[in-house]
Every structure is written in structure tokens, then in C-alpha cells.
Amino acid sequence: MAKIKTISDKLAKRKCAEWLEKNGFNSLGLAKNSSCDLIGKKDGQKYFIEVKYSSKDDGNFFGTVMLTEMFQ
């Protein structure tokens, strides 16, 4: 029988938000109805953050975070 893979990026988003807060970001929240995952502020600038997550069968994961600064 084939193994069913469940992929969720919830843990990656939570860990990313924790790291961002420790590194000076504030007003962090999930980006709803948006093309990014998190929105936060640092030093008066607003950032839109995309979190990528991939998993391996042994439970280890590698995450990549891309920060995109949007000037409006």
C-alpha cells in the first residue's frame, strides 16, 4: 500500500514568525487572501514574507524564507 504524505507548512510559518520576532520584526500576522504567507514590520517598513516548506520521509525538513520588501 502506498504511503500517504501529508504536507503542511503551519509549523514552518510558526517557526518563521518566532525567528522574525526575535530579530526585530513586529506586527506579524498571517496574510489572508494574499500571495504571501506572513506580513510584518521592521524599522517602519512593511514586509511580505513567503515561507516555503518541504519534508522528507525521516521527518527532517528544510525551510526557505524569502523576504520581499514592498514599497507603496
C-alpha atoms as a PDB file:
ATOM      1  CA  MET A   1       0.000   0.000   0.000  1.00  0.00           C
ATOM      2  CA  ALA A   2       1.333   3.447  -0.935  1.00  0.00           C
ATOM      3  CA  LYS A   3       2.333   5.820   1.808  1.00  0.00           C
ATOM      4  CA  ILE A   4       0.153   8.938   2.081  1.00  0.00           C
ATOM      5  CA  LYS A   5       2.138  12.137   2.528  1.00  0.00           C
ATOM      6  CA  THR A   6       0.642  14.999   4.479  1.00  0.00           C
ATOM      7  CA  ILE A   7       2.347  18.286   3.792  1.00  0.00           C
ATOM      8  CA  SER A   8       1.548  21.295   5.943  1.00  0.00           C
ATOM      9  CA  ASP A   9       3.507  24.492   6.257  1.00  0.00           C
ATOM     10  CA  LYS A  10       1.886  25.554   9.563  1.00  0.00           C
ATOM     11  CA  LEU A  11       4.951  24.615  11.625  1.00  0.00           C
ATOM     12  CA  ALA A  12       7.260  26.380   9.172  1.00  0.00           C
ATOM     13  CA  LYS A  13       5.155  29.562   9.332  1.00  0.00           C
ATOM     14  CA  ARG A  14       5.101  29.472  13.134  1.00  0.00           C
ATOM     15  CA  LYS A  15       8.864  28.921  13.386  1.00  0.00           C
ATOM     16  CA  CYS A  16       9.477  31.655  10.832  1.00  0.00           C
ATOM     17  CA  ALA A  17       7.298  34.113  12.786  1.00  0.00           C
ATOM     18  CA  GLU A  18       9.159  33.242  16.011  1.00  0.00           C
ATOM     19  CA  TRP A  19      12.523  33.855  14.326  1.00  0.00           C
ATOM     20  CA  LEU A  20      11.348  37.135  12.801  1.00  0.00           C
ATOM     21  CA  GLU A  21      10.098  38.389  16.190  1.00  0.00           C
ATOM     22  CA  LYS A  22      13.433  37.532  17.796  1.00  0.00           C
ATOM     23  CA  ASN A  23      15.118  39.550  15.044  1.00  0.00           C
ATOM     24  CA  GLY A  24      13.187  42.776  15.407  1.00  0.00           C
ATOM     25  CA  PHE A  25      10.018  42.269  13.389  1.00  0.00           C
ATOM     26  CA  ASN A  26       6.687  43.253  14.900  1.00  0.00           C
ATOM     27  CA  SER A  27       3.018  43.359  13.920  1.00  0.00           C
ATOM     28  CA  LEU A  28       3.451  39.873  12.431  1.00  0.00           C
ATOM     29  CA  GLY A  29       0.394  38.089  11.196  1.00  0.00           C
ATOM     30  CA  LEU A  30      -0.823  35.573   8.679  1.00  0.00           C
ATOM     31  CA  ALA A  31      -1.513  37.136   5.307  1.00  0.00           C
ATOM     32  CA  LYS A  32      -5.058  36.178   4.442  1.00  0.00           C
ATOM     33  CA  ASN A  33      -6.250  36.442   0.850  1.00  0.00           C
ATOM     34  CA  SER A  34      -2.749  37.383  -0.255  1.00  0.00           C
ATOM     35  CA  SER A  35       0.003  35.850  -2.360  1.00  0.00           C
ATOM     36  CA  CYS A  36       2.404  35.790   0.627  1.00  0.00           C
ATOM     37  CA  ASP A  37       2.277  33.901   3.942  1.00  0.00           C
ATOM     38  CA  LEU A  38       3.178  36.476   6.616  1.00  0.00           C
ATOM     39  CA  ILE A  39       3.139  40.249   6.869  1.00  0.00           C
ATOM     40  CA  GLY A  40       5.278  42.113   9.368  1.00  0.00           C
ATOM     41  CA  LYS A  41       7.031  45.375  10.057  1.00  0.00           C
ATOM     42  CA  LYS A  42      10.598  46.257  10.941  1.00  0.00           C
ATOM     43  CA  ASP A  43      12.118  49.715  11.270  1.00  0.00           C
ATOM     44  CA  GLY A  44       8.986  51.326   9.847  1.00  0.00           C
ATOM     45  CA  GLN A  45       8.982  49.207   6.677  1.00  0.00           C
ATOM     46  CA  LYS A  46       6.289  46.687   5.815  1.00  0.00           C
ATOM     47  CA  TYR A  47       7.460  43.251   4.647  1.00  0.00           C
ATOM     48  CA  PHE A  48       5.585  40.498   2.849  1.00  0.00           C
ATOM     49  CA  ILE A  49       7.110  37.132   3.667  1.00  0.00           C
ATOM     50  CA  GLU A  50       6.773  33.905   1.708  1.00  0.00           C
ATOM     51  CA  VAL A  51       7.590  30.689   3.585  1.00  0.00           C
ATOM     52  CA  LYS A  52       8.496  27.556   1.643  1.00  0.00           C
ATOM     53  CA  TYR A  53       8.417  24.160   3.278  1.00  0.00           C
ATOM     54  CA  SER A  54       9.398  20.701   2.142  1.00  0.00           C
ATOM     55  CA  SER A  55       9.557  17.466   4.062  1.00  0.00           C
ATOM     56  CA  LYS A  56      11.498  14.236   3.953  1.00  0.00           C
ATOM     57  CA  ASP A  57      10.316  10.789   4.955  1.00  0.00           C
ATOM     58  CA  ASP A  58      12.561  10.788   8.047  1.00  0.00           C
ATOM     59  CA  GLY A  59      10.791  13.850   9.455  1.00  0.00           C
ATOM     60  CA  ASN A  60      13.559  16.379   8.899  1.00  0.00           C
ATOM     61  CA  PHE A  61      12.652  19.438   6.931  1.00  0.00           C
ATOM     62  CA  PHE A  62      14.379  22.260   5.191  1.00  0.00           C
ATOM     63  CA  GLY A  63      12.705  25.648   5.037  1.00  0.00           C
ATOM     64  CA  THR A  64      13.467  28.644   2.908  1.00  0.00           C
ATOM     65  CA  VAL A  65      12.253  32.110   3.725  1.00  0.00           C
ATOM     66  CA  MET A  66      12.068  34.852   1.143  1.00  0.00           C
ATOM     67  CA  LEU A  67      11.614  38.439   2.291  1.00  0.00           C
ATOM     68  CA  THR A  68      10.125  40.806  -0.221  1.00  0.00           C
ATOM     69  CA  GLU A  69      10.046  44.451   0.664  1.00  0.00           C
ATOM     70  CA  MET A  70       7.111  46.190  -0.943  1.00  0.00           C
ATOM     71  CA  PHE A  71       7.159  49.943  -1.287  1.00  0.00           C
ATOM     72  CA  GLN A  72       3.741  51.503  -1.687  1.00  0.00           C
END
